[in-house]
Amino acid sequence: MKRDSVAGLFAALAAACGIVSIITRPFLFAPIGLLLLLVSVKLTAERRWTAPAAAIVALGGLAGAAIAAGFSHPLY
């Protein structure tokens, strides 16, 4: 039970990194979110936490990269 709660925490942190990567520095926060997501997937087999976090990290990294390339910060 404790292992699932730690995995849920890592998945929530990965999702937070995905959201932050839309707004600031996608090439920093998206890989950090991916690493947190990989730790979460390794700790638990439940997709209830990891599947939404994976979608948020992927979309956040993609949207952040598109925004960074299109506006004032082309690459970090």
C-alpha atoms as a PDB file:
ATOM      1  CA  MET A   1       0.000   0.000   0.000  1.00  0.00           C
ATOM      2  CA  LYS A   2       2.787   2.432   0.855  1.00  0.00           C
ATOM      3  CA  ARG A   3       4.516   1.674  -2.435  1.00  0.00           C
ATOM      4  CA  ASP A   4       1.396   2.673  -4.389  1.00  0.00           C
ATOM      5  CA  SER A   5       1.133   5.966  -2.545  1.00  0.00           C
ATOM      6  CA  VAL A   6       4.776   6.795  -3.298  1.00  0.00           C
ATOM      7  CA  ALA A   7       4.175   5.884  -6.943  1.00  0.00           C
ATOM      8  CA  GLY A   8       1.115   8.148  -6.955  1.00  0.00           C
ATOM      9  CA  LEU A   9       3.205  10.978  -5.555  1.00  0.00           C
ATOM     10  CA  PHE A  10       5.834  10.519  -8.267  1.00  0.00           C
ATOM     11  CA  ALA A  11       3.108  10.426 -10.923  1.00  0.00           C
ATOM     12  CA  ALA A  12       1.609  13.658  -9.546  1.00  0.00           C
ATOM     13  CA  LEU A  13       5.032  15.314  -9.596  1.00  0.00           C
ATOM     14  CA  ALA A  14       5.540  14.123 -13.176  1.00  0.00           C
ATOM     15  CA  ALA A  15       2.191  15.640 -14.165  1.00  0.00           C
ATOM     16  CA  ALA A  16       3.142  18.894 -12.439  1.00  0.00           C
ATOM     17  CA  CYS A  17       6.409  18.975 -14.398  1.00  0.00           C
ATOM     18  CA  GLY A  18       4.408  18.414 -17.586  1.00  0.00           C
ATOM     19  CA  ILE A  19       2.173  21.377 -16.812  1.00  0.00           C
ATOM     20  CA  VAL A  20       5.112  23.587 -15.863  1.00  0.00           C
ATOM     21  CA  SER A  21       6.899  22.643 -19.083  1.00  0.00           C
ATOM     22  CA  ILE A  22       4.121  24.324 -21.077  1.00  0.00           C
ATOM     23  CA  ILE A  23       4.740  27.635 -19.363  1.00  0.00           C
ATOM     24  CA  THR A  24       8.506  27.681 -18.770  1.00  0.00           C
ATOM     25  CA  ARG A  25      11.541  25.753 -19.992  1.00  0.00           C
ATOM     26  CA  PRO A  26      10.082  22.678 -21.705  1.00  0.00           C
ATOM     27  CA  PHE A  27      13.519  21.199 -22.375  1.00  0.00           C
ATOM     28  CA  LEU A  28      14.236  21.145 -18.637  1.00  0.00           C
ATOM     29  CA  PHE A  29      10.949  20.150 -17.010  1.00  0.00           C
ATOM     30  CA  ALA A  30       9.699  17.587 -19.547  1.00  0.00           C
ATOM     31  CA  PRO A  31      12.726  15.274 -19.079  1.00  0.00           C
ATOM     32  CA  ILE A  32      12.476  15.633 -15.300  1.00  0.00           C
ATOM     33  CA  GLY A  33       8.807  14.710 -15.542  1.00  0.00           C
ATOM     34  CA  LEU A  34       9.694  11.741 -17.718  1.00  0.00           C
ATOM     35  CA  LEU A  35      12.204  10.476 -15.157  1.00  0.00           C
ATOM     36  CA  LEU A  36       9.656  10.837 -12.358  1.00  0.00           C
ATOM     37  CA  LEU A  37       7.125   8.999 -14.490  1.00  0.00           C
ATOM     38  CA  LEU A  38       9.553   6.140 -15.124  1.00  0.00           C
ATOM     39  CA  VAL A  39      10.157   5.782 -11.389  1.00  0.00           C
ATOM     40  CA  SER A  40       6.402   5.743 -10.809  1.00  0.00           C
ATOM     41  CA  VAL A  41       5.866   3.079 -13.470  1.00  0.00           C
ATOM     42  CA  LYS A  42       8.614   0.954 -11.949  1.00  0.00           C
ATOM     43  CA  LEU A  43       7.071   1.178  -8.466  1.00  0.00           C
ATOM     44  CA  THR A  44       3.514   0.228  -9.395  1.00  0.00           C
ATOM     45  CA  ALA A  45       1.664  -1.620 -12.115  1.00  0.00           C
ATOM     46  CA  GLU A  46      -1.513   0.446 -11.700  1.00  0.00           C
ATOM     47  CA  ARG A  47      -2.198   2.539 -14.755  1.00  0.00           C
ATOM     48  CA  ARG A  48      -4.691   4.648 -12.814  1.00  0.00           C
ATOM     49  CA  TRP A  49      -1.906   7.061 -11.872  1.00  0.00           C
ATOM     50  CA  THR A  50       0.666   6.576 -14.587  1.00  0.00           C
ATOM     51  CA  ALA A  51      -1.443   6.771 -17.754  1.00  0.00           C
ATOM     52  CA  PRO A  52      -2.839  10.290 -17.148  1.00  0.00           C
ATOM     53  CA  ALA A  53       0.576  11.494 -15.975  1.00  0.00           C
ATOM     54  CA  ALA A  54       2.180  10.121 -19.149  1.00  0.00           C
ATOM     55  CA  ALA A  55      -0.340  11.969 -21.300  1.00  0.00           C
ATOM     56  CA  ILE A  56       0.202  15.221 -19.409  1.00  0.00           C
ATOM     57  CA  VAL A  57       4.003  14.964 -19.638  1.00  0.00           C
ATOM     58  CA  ALA A  58       3.899  14.176 -23.365  1.00  0.00           C
ATOM     59  CA  LEU A  59       1.426  16.919 -24.244  1.00  0.00           C
ATOM     60  CA  GLY A  60       3.112  19.415 -21.947  1.00  0.00           C
ATOM     61  CA  GLY A  61       6.523  18.801 -23.459  1.00  0.00           C
ATOM     62  CA  LEU A  62       5.159  19.036 -26.985  1.00  0.00           C
ATOM     63  CA  ALA A  63       3.121  22.182 -26.337  1.00  0.00           C
ATOM     64  CA  GLY A  64       6.004  23.804 -24.462  1.00  0.00           C
ATOM     65  CA  ALA A  65       8.423  23.065 -27.292  1.00  0.00           C
ATOM     66  CA  ALA A  66       5.979  24.482 -29.842  1.00  0.00           C
ATOM     67  CA  ILE A  67       5.474  27.638 -27.800  1.00  0.00           C
ATOM     68  CA  ALA A  68       9.222  28.021 -27.218  1.00  0.00           C
ATOM     69  CA  ALA A  69       9.969  27.606 -30.907  1.00  0.00           C
ATOM     70  CA  GLY A  70       7.231  29.982 -32.002  1.00  0.00           C
ATOM     71  CA  PHE A  71       7.831  32.842 -29.607  1.00  0.00           C
ATOM     72  CA  SER A  72      10.616  34.667 -27.825  1.00  0.00           C
ATOM     73  CA  HIS A  73      12.658  31.662 -26.617  1.00  0.00           C
ATOM     74  CA  PRO A  74      13.428  29.469 -29.660  1.00  0.00           C
ATOM     75  CA  LEU A  75      15.623  26.953 -27.793  1.00  0.00           C
ATOM     76  CA  TYR A  76      16.879  26.852 -24.232  1.00  0.00           C
END
